[in-house]
Amino acid sequence: MKALVLHCPSGISGDMALAALVDLGFPLERLNTALAAAGVEGVRVNAVRRSSGALVAAGVAVEASVPQPPRNYSRIRELMMRAGLGRRAEEQALEALARLAGVEAQLHGLGIDEVELHEVGAWDTVADILGFVLGLEYLGVEAVFVSAVETGTGAVRTEHGVLPVPAPATTAHLIGFELTSSVSGHELATPTGAALLATAARPIGELPAYRLISTGMGAGTLELQDRPNVVYASLVETRPSPADEAGPLALLETNVDDRGGETVAAALALLLDRGALDAWAAPVTGKKGRPALVISVICRPVLSDLLAEEMMKATGSLGVRISSFVRNAAPRRELQVAYAGRVYRVKVGPYSSKVEFDDLAAGSGELGVPFLELAREVALAFHREHPDLPLPQ
């Protein structure tokens, strides 16, 4: 499994994370193509070289040739979904955006669709998020691990007045990560950088043994007196690790006895779209003997309050039960196999594997081959390439 290891002794920002991936080989033209496809007009990201302390590292410069309009959460989601991202990259981009907007909404007592702030809606933030997930996809990164993150100390002036460093909008994303605060007077970990870590990374203590492939550095614009302002990145090869869905999670549940199937189906689709890892409805007998449904959602703890609000809005429920649990998960990875001119994704675990249903359905329609017949042929093609792995069922 290919993984990215980040060392952050000078903190992390969105542009530093992106620059580190550029130094590892990610071509920015892919990001600029995605920005154009999304409809972010007049914005272009260019690679630069920056001196930072005694080092020279990669940097990025996000430039806008035309004035950029304010954009709220819903509008940015629409843009990202038009950017032509792969499935996993799109999921990561939307989750990072939901984290940023969700934290801002909670801090300022707003609904998530009311969030229209510089920290979330700025075009450079959109470029940083899209560039980071595209970079992971291009480099074939399946997991990200991060060392202790330097946050800085002191105070910072924002649109909301003077706030402590690290700012509340940053620390909300860094729960569970190791932090240091040794540099005074600077904000070194930004909300965007922190949200990218919360979306894609795990603490470095979970990193197994690995083989080093290549290294890179991403520099920020801030000048520090005692160290280079750089994120150090390593591309490594390691054995498969547990899926991102493992670890501490939240379970959200609410009972509804006055909503039809169409409303419940729409609510489940919305919750999955908003970042739930899983969502379902199960029939029960409620109070007064009424038929009812229990709507259940599994999500990462940072999204529990946001999704609880979405559950109540979508169903009209007056309350949501939230509990915590830890889920174990088998190692898994996604491979690909080519058959009859198409590429099919295959999810591979230690005991079984499965060809992605959506890929088979699309291939069946395009090729005019019955679904079960195509599934069998793709499974055999995969087995010929990987005879040591479980045959897809």
Protein backbone atom coordinates (compact mmCIF):
# COMPACT_ATOMS: atom_id res chain seq x y z
CA MET A 1 0.00 0.00 0.00
CA LYS A 2 1.31 3.44 -0.91
CA ALA A 3 1.09 6.01 1.87
CA LEU A 4 1.97 9.66 2.47
CA VAL A 5 3.82 10.61 5.66
CA LEU A 6 3.73 14.28 6.73
CA HIS A 7 6.02 15.88 9.31
CA CYS A 8 4.76 19.26 10.48
CA PRO A 9 7.26 20.96 12.83
CA SER A 10 6.14 24.32 11.39
CA GLY A 11 2.44 23.50 11.26
CA ILE A 12 0.39 22.97 8.13
CA SER A 13 -1.78 25.03 5.82
CA GLY A 14 -3.69 24.11 2.69
CA ASP A 15 -1.09 25.59 0.34
CA MET A 16 1.82 23.92 2.19
CA ALA A 17 0.13 20.52 1.95
CA LEU A 18 -0.53 21.04 -1.77
CA ALA A 19 3.02 22.26 -2.40
CA ALA A 20 4.44 19.13 -0.75
CA LEU A 21 2.45 16.96 -3.18
CA VAL A 22 3.70 19.09 -6.09
CA ASP A 23 7.28 18.43 -4.92
CA LEU A 24 6.47 14.71 -4.96
CA GLY A 25 5.42 14.93 -8.61
CA PHE A 26 1.79 16.07 -8.77
CA PRO A 27 1.32 18.24 -11.92
CA LEU A 28 -0.67 21.41 -11.18
CA GLU A 29 -2.19 21.36 -14.66
CA ARG A 30 -4.53 18.65 -13.39
CA LEU A 31 -5.74 21.00 -10.67
CA ASN A 32 -6.17 23.91 -13.08
CA THR A 33 -8.19 21.68 -15.41
CA ALA A 34 -10.44 20.68 -12.48
CA LEU A 35 -10.92 24.33 -11.43
CA ALA A 36 -11.97 25.22 -14.97
CA ALA A 37 -14.38 22.27 -15.12
CA ALA A 38 -15.88 23.30 -11.78
CA GLY A 39 -16.56 26.80 -13.07
CA VAL A 40 -14.10 28.65 -10.81
CA GLU A 41 -13.32 31.21 -13.50
CA GLY A 42 -10.11 33.19 -13.56
CA VAL A 43 -8.33 31.17 -10.84
CA ARG A 44 -5.04 29.46 -11.62
CA VAL A 45 -2.46 27.77 -9.41
CA ASN A 46 1.23 28.01 -10.33
CA ALA A 47 4.27 26.25 -8.90
CA VAL A 48 7.04 28.41 -7.40
CA ARG A 49 10.27 27.81 -5.49
CA ARG A 50 10.54 29.44 -2.08
CA SER A 51 13.51 29.99 0.22
CA SER A 52 12.60 29.19 3.80
CA GLY A 53 15.36 29.38 6.36
CA ALA A 54 18.28 27.39 5.01
CA LEU A 55 16.07 25.40 2.63
CA VAL A 56 14.59 25.90 -0.83
CA ALA A 57 11.26 24.11 -1.19
CA ALA A 58 8.25 23.89 -3.48
CA GLY A 59 5.50 26.44 -3.09
CA VAL A 60 2.23 27.26 -4.81
CA ALA A 61 0.76 30.61 -5.79
CA VAL A 62 -3.02 30.82 -6.23
CA GLU A 63 -3.91 33.74 -8.46
CA ALA A 64 -7.27 35.16 -9.51
CA SER A 65 -7.39 37.24 -12.69
CA VAL A 66 -11.02 38.28 -12.12
CA PRO A 67 -12.88 39.23 -8.92
CA GLN A 68 -14.26 36.18 -7.13
CA PRO A 69 -17.85 36.29 -5.81
CA PRO A 70 -18.71 35.20 -2.25
CA ARG A 71 -19.71 31.54 -2.16
CA ASN A 72 -21.61 29.69 0.54
CA TYR A 73 -21.31 26.04 1.47
CA SER A 74 -23.96 24.76 -0.96
CA ARG A 75 -22.46 26.68 -3.87
CA ILE A 76 -18.95 25.35 -3.22
CA ARG A 77 -20.31 21.78 -3.01
CA GLU A 78 -21.87 22.25 -6.44
CA LEU A 79 -18.58 23.50 -7.84
CA MET A 80 -16.60 20.59 -6.41
CA MET A 81 -19.07 18.05 -7.75
CA ARG A 82 -18.55 19.48 -11.26
CA ALA A 83 -14.77 19.27 -11.07
CA GLY A 84 -14.55 15.78 -12.59
CA LEU A 85 -12.94 14.17 -9.55
CA GLY A 86 -12.67 10.44 -9.04
CA ARG A 87 -15.06 8.88 -6.52
CA ARG A 88 -12.68 8.81 -3.57
CA ALA A 89 -11.19 12.24 -4.33
CA GLU A 90 -14.69 13.74 -4.49
CA GLU A 91 -15.67 12.13 -1.19
CA GLN A 92 -12.55 13.54 0.47
CA ALA A 93 -13.05 17.01 -0.99
CA LEU A 94 -16.68 17.15 0.12
CA GLU A 95 -15.81 15.87 3.59
CA ALA A 96 -13.07 18.48 4.06
CA LEU A 97 -15.49 21.18 2.95
CA ALA A 98 -18.23 19.85 5.27
CA ARG A 99 -15.79 19.88 8.17
CA LEU A 100 -14.80 23.49 7.52
CA ALA A 101 -18.37 24.68 7.09
CA GLY A 102 -19.71 22.55 9.94
CA VAL A 103 -17.20 23.92 12.43
CA GLU A 104 -17.84 27.51 11.33
CA ALA A 105 -21.60 26.95 11.63
CA GLN A 106 -21.28 25.54 15.16
CA LEU A 107 -18.90 28.27 16.34
CA HIS A 108 -21.12 31.09 15.11
CA GLY A 109 -24.59 29.59 15.65
CA LEU A 110 -25.48 29.36 11.96
CA GLY A 111 -27.07 26.76 9.74
CA ILE A 112 -24.47 25.15 7.51
CA ASP A 113 -25.97 26.65 4.35
CA GLU A 114 -25.70 30.11 5.93
CA VAL A 115 -21.93 29.84 6.21
CA GLU A 116 -20.44 32.34 3.78
CA LEU A 117 -17.10 33.24 5.30
CA HIS A 118 -13.65 33.94 3.96
CA GLU A 119 -12.21 30.96 5.78
CA VAL A 120 -14.58 28.61 3.92
CA GLY A 121 -15.58 30.33 0.69
CA ALA A 122 -12.31 31.84 -0.50
CA TRP A 123 -11.18 30.64 -3.90
CA ASP A 124 -7.70 29.75 -2.59
CA THR A 125 -9.28 27.40 -0.04
CA VAL A 126 -11.24 25.67 -2.83
CA ALA A 127 -8.04 25.31 -4.85
CA ASP A 128 -6.11 23.90 -1.87
CA ILE A 129 -8.77 21.27 -1.12
CA LEU A 130 -9.18 20.18 -4.74
CA GLY A 131 -5.42 20.14 -5.27
CA PHE A 132 -4.73 18.04 -2.18
CA VAL A 133 -7.27 15.30 -3.00
CA LEU A 134 -6.24 15.27 -6.67
CA GLY A 135 -2.61 14.99 -5.59
CA LEU A 136 -3.35 12.00 -3.39
CA GLU A 137 -5.21 10.38 -6.27
CA TYR A 138 -2.46 11.08 -8.81
CA LEU A 139 0.29 9.73 -6.55
CA GLY A 140 -1.74 6.62 -5.71
CA VAL A 141 -1.85 7.38 -1.98
CA GLU A 142 -4.16 5.10 -0.05
CA ALA A 143 -3.40 6.35 3.48
CA VAL A 144 -1.93 9.47 5.08
CA PHE A 145 -0.05 9.60 8.39
CA VAL A 146 1.00 12.76 10.22
CA SER A 147 3.49 13.54 12.98
CA ALA A 148 2.93 16.02 15.79
CA VAL A 149 1.55 19.26 14.36
CA GLU A 150 2.98 22.58 15.56
CA THR A 151 0.09 24.99 16.10
CA GLY A 152 1.90 28.12 17.27
CA THR A 153 0.78 30.22 20.24
CA GLY A 154 -0.41 33.73 20.89
CA ALA A 155 -3.34 35.49 19.24
CA VAL A 156 -4.56 36.17 15.72
CA ARG A 157 -6.84 38.88 14.38
CA THR A 158 -9.73 37.48 12.30
CA GLU A 159 -13.01 38.70 10.84
CA HIS A 160 -14.53 37.73 14.21
CA GLY A 161 -12.05 39.72 16.31
CA VAL A 162 -8.92 38.61 18.17
CA LEU A 163 -8.82 34.85 18.81
CA PRO A 164 -6.27 32.65 20.57
CA VAL A 165 -3.77 30.52 18.65
CA PRO A 166 -4.52 27.76 17.90
CA ALA A 167 -7.90 29.14 16.85
CA PRO A 168 -11.12 27.27 17.76
CA ALA A 169 -11.78 26.67 14.04
CA THR A 170 -8.46 24.82 13.87
CA THR A 171 -8.47 22.79 17.08
CA ALA A 172 -11.94 21.41 16.30
CA HIS A 173 -10.37 19.46 13.42
CA LEU A 174 -7.31 18.23 15.32
CA ILE A 175 -8.96 16.15 18.05
CA GLY A 176 -7.03 12.90 18.39
CA PHE A 177 -3.83 14.22 16.78
CA GLU A 178 -0.59 14.96 18.62
CA LEU A 179 0.12 18.71 18.83
CA THR A 180 2.98 20.98 19.92
CA SER A 181 2.89 24.72 20.64
CA SER A 182 6.48 25.98 20.81
CA VAL A 183 6.47 28.90 18.35
CA SER A 184 5.14 32.13 19.82
CA GLY A 185 3.25 34.84 17.96
CA HIS A 186 2.25 32.89 14.86
CA GLU A 187 -0.71 30.82 13.67
CA LEU A 188 1.03 27.85 12.07
CA ALA A 189 -1.83 25.37 11.70
CA THR A 190 -4.72 26.81 9.70
CA PRO A 191 -8.34 25.59 9.55
CA THR A 192 -7.90 24.36 5.97
CA GLY A 193 -4.71 22.45 6.74
CA ALA A 194 -6.28 20.97 9.86
CA ALA A 195 -9.46 19.96 7.99
CA LEU A 196 -7.39 18.16 5.35
CA LEU A 197 -5.62 16.20 8.09
CA ALA A 198 -8.91 15.36 9.82
CA THR A 199 -10.31 14.12 6.51
CA ALA A 200 -7.41 12.05 5.21
CA ALA A 201 -4.78 11.46 7.91
CA ARG A 202 -4.13 9.31 10.94
CA PRO A 203 -1.54 9.82 13.71
CA ILE A 204 1.94 8.63 12.81
CA GLY A 205 1.88 6.13 15.67
CA GLU A 206 -0.39 3.96 13.50
CA LEU A 207 2.19 3.82 10.67
CA PRO A 208 3.57 0.30 10.15
CA ALA A 209 7.03 -0.47 8.79
CA TYR A 210 7.56 0.96 5.32
CA ARG A 211 9.92 1.38 2.37
CA LEU A 212 10.78 4.97 1.43
CA ILE A 213 9.99 5.86 -2.20
CA SER A 214 10.56 9.62 -2.46
CA THR A 215 10.55 12.83 -0.42
CA GLY A 216 9.35 16.40 -0.92
CA MET A 217 8.90 19.69 0.91
CA GLY A 218 6.09 22.25 0.78
CA ALA A 219 6.85 25.80 1.92
CA GLY A 220 4.47 28.42 3.24
CA THR A 221 4.82 32.19 2.90
CA LEU A 222 5.44 32.97 6.57
CA GLU A 223 9.05 33.58 7.66
CA LEU A 224 10.03 32.00 10.98
CA GLN A 225 13.15 32.92 12.93
CA ASP A 226 14.14 29.54 14.32
CA ARG A 227 13.17 27.06 11.59
CA PRO A 228 12.12 26.71 7.94
CA ASN A 229 8.36 27.08 7.42
CA VAL A 230 8.07 23.76 5.63
CA VAL A 231 5.96 20.59 5.62
CA TYR A 232 8.14 17.52 5.02
CA ALA A 233 6.46 14.79 2.95
CA SER A 234 7.50 11.20 2.28
CA LEU A 235 5.91 8.80 -0.17
CA VAL A 236 6.28 5.28 1.20
CA GLU A 237 5.24 1.72 0.49
CA THR A 238 3.70 -0.15 3.40
CA ARG A 239 1.47 -3.14 3.99
CA PRO A 240 -2.33 -2.63 3.97
CA SER A 241 -3.70 -0.93 7.06
CA PRO A 242 -7.21 -0.88 8.55
CA ALA A 243 -9.79 1.04 6.61
CA ASP A 244 -10.51 4.66 7.40
CA GLU A 245 -13.88 3.61 8.84
CA ALA A 246 -12.18 1.86 11.79
CA GLY A 247 -11.63 3.48 15.16
CA PRO A 248 -13.81 5.80 17.25
CA LEU A 249 -17.14 6.51 15.54
CA ALA A 250 -20.55 7.95 16.43
CA LEU A 251 -23.97 6.31 16.05
CA LEU A 252 -26.93 8.64 15.50
CA GLU A 253 -30.51 7.33 15.76
CA THR A 254 -34.00 8.76 15.66
CA ASN A 255 -37.45 7.15 15.51
CA VAL A 256 -40.04 8.37 12.99
CA ASP A 257 -43.64 7.17 12.74
CA ASP A 258 -45.15 9.93 10.62
CA ARG A 259 -43.05 9.97 7.44
CA GLY A 260 -43.45 7.99 4.22
CA GLY A 261 -40.88 5.91 2.41
CA GLU A 262 -39.97 8.63 -0.08
CA THR A 263 -39.11 11.08 2.71
CA VAL A 264 -37.01 8.50 4.55
CA ALA A 265 -35.18 7.48 1.35
CA ALA A 266 -34.40 11.12 0.59
CA ALA A 267 -33.15 11.65 4.15
CA LEU A 268 -30.80 8.66 3.94
CA ALA A 269 -29.41 9.87 0.62
CA LEU A 270 -28.86 13.35 2.06
CA LEU A 271 -27.07 12.04 5.15
CA LEU A 272 -24.71 9.92 3.06
CA ASP A 273 -24.08 12.92 0.84
CA ARG A 274 -23.28 15.04 3.91
CA GLY A 275 -20.52 12.67 5.04
CA ALA A 276 -22.15 9.72 6.84
CA LEU A 277 -20.15 6.50 6.54
CA ASP A 278 -23.37 4.45 6.53
CA ALA A 279 -27.09 5.14 6.93
CA TRP A 280 -30.13 2.87 7.05
CA ALA A 281 -33.72 2.51 8.28
CA ALA A 282 -35.16 -0.45 10.17
CA PRO A 283 -38.85 -1.14 10.95
CA VAL A 284 -39.97 -1.26 14.59
CA THR A 285 -43.21 -1.01 16.54
CA GLY A 286 -43.33 2.35 18.26
CA LYS A 287 -45.41 3.84 21.04
CA LYS A 288 -49.17 3.25 20.91
CA GLY A 289 -48.46 0.25 18.67
CA ARG A 290 -47.66 2.41 15.66
CA PRO A 291 -45.43 1.11 12.84
CA ALA A 292 -42.27 3.20 12.86
CA LEU A 293 -38.75 3.35 11.45
CA VAL A 294 -35.45 3.76 13.27
CA ILE A 295 -33.13 5.87 11.14
CA SER A 296 -29.50 5.13 11.98
CA VAL A 297 -26.30 6.84 10.87
CA ILE A 298 -22.64 5.99 11.46
CA CYS A 299 -20.20 8.88 11.13
CA ARG A 300 -16.92 10.23 12.43
CA PRO A 301 -17.41 12.01 15.77
CA VAL A 302 -16.56 15.45 14.36
CA LEU A 303 -19.61 15.28 12.08
CA SER A 304 -22.10 14.01 14.69
CA ASP A 305 -23.64 17.38 15.60
CA LEU A 306 -23.86 18.47 11.98
CA LEU A 307 -25.54 15.23 10.86
CA ALA A 308 -27.87 15.21 13.87
CA GLU A 309 -29.14 18.60 12.74
CA GLU A 310 -29.52 17.32 9.17
CA MET A 311 -31.50 14.29 10.46
CA MET A 312 -33.94 16.51 12.32
CA LYS A 313 -34.35 18.88 9.37
CA ALA A 314 -34.89 16.04 6.89
CA THR A 315 -37.36 14.01 8.98
CA GLY A 316 -39.01 16.56 11.27
CA SER A 317 -37.81 14.60 14.29
CA LEU A 318 -37.50 16.50 17.57
CA GLY A 319 -34.39 14.70 18.80
CA VAL A 320 -31.48 12.44 17.90
CA ARG A 321 -29.72 9.92 20.14
CA ILE A 322 -25.90 10.08 19.84
CA SER A 323 -23.63 7.36 21.18
CA SER A 324 -19.96 6.52 20.72
CA PHE A 325 -18.38 3.21 19.84
CA VAL A 326 -15.20 1.75 18.38
CA ARG A 327 -15.38 -0.31 15.20
CA ASN A 328 -12.76 -2.80 14.09
CA ALA A 329 -12.19 -3.15 10.35
CA ALA A 330 -10.22 -5.58 8.24
CA PRO A 331 -7.44 -4.22 6.02
CA ARG A 332 -8.67 -3.50 2.53
CA ARG A 333 -7.49 -1.87 -0.67
CA GLU A 334 -8.90 -0.99 -4.05
CA LEU A 335 -7.31 -2.45 -7.17
CA GLN A 336 -8.32 -2.22 -10.82
CA VAL A 337 -8.68 -4.69 -13.64
CA ALA A 338 -9.21 -4.03 -17.36
CA TYR A 339 -11.73 -6.07 -19.37
CA ALA A 340 -13.20 -5.42 -22.83
CA GLY A 341 -11.93 -1.86 -22.99
CA ARG A 342 -13.18 -0.79 -19.56
CA VAL A 343 -11.56 -0.53 -16.14
CA TYR A 344 -13.33 -2.07 -13.13
CA ARG A 345 -12.56 -1.33 -9.49
CA VAL A 346 -12.15 -4.29 -7.16
CA LYS A 347 -12.30 -3.98 -3.36
CA VAL A 348 -9.92 -6.53 -1.85
CA GLY A 349 -9.92 -7.70 1.77
CA PRO A 350 -7.97 -10.48 3.49
CA TYR A 351 -10.71 -13.07 2.96
CA SER A 352 -12.79 -11.87 0.02
CA SER A 353 -12.93 -9.43 -2.85
CA LYS A 354 -15.70 -7.83 -4.86
CA VAL A 355 -15.98 -5.97 -8.16
CA GLU A 356 -17.59 -2.55 -7.75
CA PHE A 357 -21.31 -2.88 -8.54
CA ASP A 358 -21.61 0.50 -10.25
CA ASP A 359 -18.75 -0.35 -12.61
CA LEU A 360 -20.36 -3.67 -13.53
CA ALA A 361 -23.76 -2.06 -14.07
CA ALA A 362 -22.27 0.59 -16.35
CA GLY A 363 -20.23 -2.01 -18.25
CA SER A 364 -23.22 -4.29 -18.67
CA GLY A 365 -25.26 -1.51 -20.26
CA GLU A 366 -22.44 -0.29 -22.47
CA LEU A 367 -21.36 -3.72 -23.70
CA GLY A 368 -24.82 -5.26 -23.90
CA VAL A 369 -23.67 -8.20 -21.76
CA PRO A 370 -25.86 -9.65 -18.97
CA PHE A 371 -24.75 -8.43 -15.57
CA LEU A 372 -23.98 -11.85 -14.05
CA GLU A 373 -22.03 -12.94 -17.13
CA LEU A 374 -19.93 -9.77 -17.07
CA ALA A 375 -19.35 -10.12 -13.33
CA ARG A 376 -18.02 -13.64 -13.87
CA GLU A 377 -15.70 -12.61 -16.72
CA VAL A 378 -14.31 -9.61 -14.83
CA ALA A 379 -13.72 -11.80 -11.75
CA LEU A 380 -11.78 -14.30 -13.86
CA ALA A 381 -9.75 -11.51 -15.48
CA PHE A 382 -8.87 -10.23 -12.03
CA HIS A 383 -7.94 -13.73 -10.85
CA ARG A 384 -5.59 -14.18 -13.82
CA GLU A 385 -3.74 -10.98 -12.85
CA HIS A 386 -3.80 -11.66 -9.10
CA PRO A 387 -3.95 -15.42 -8.53
CA ASP A 388 -2.77 -14.97 -4.94
CA LEU A 389 -5.75 -12.78 -3.98
CA PRO A 390 -9.32 -13.93 -3.23
CA LEU A 391 -11.46 -14.51 -6.31
CA PRO A 392 -14.17 -11.80 -6.53
CA GLN A 393 -17.62 -13.12 -5.60
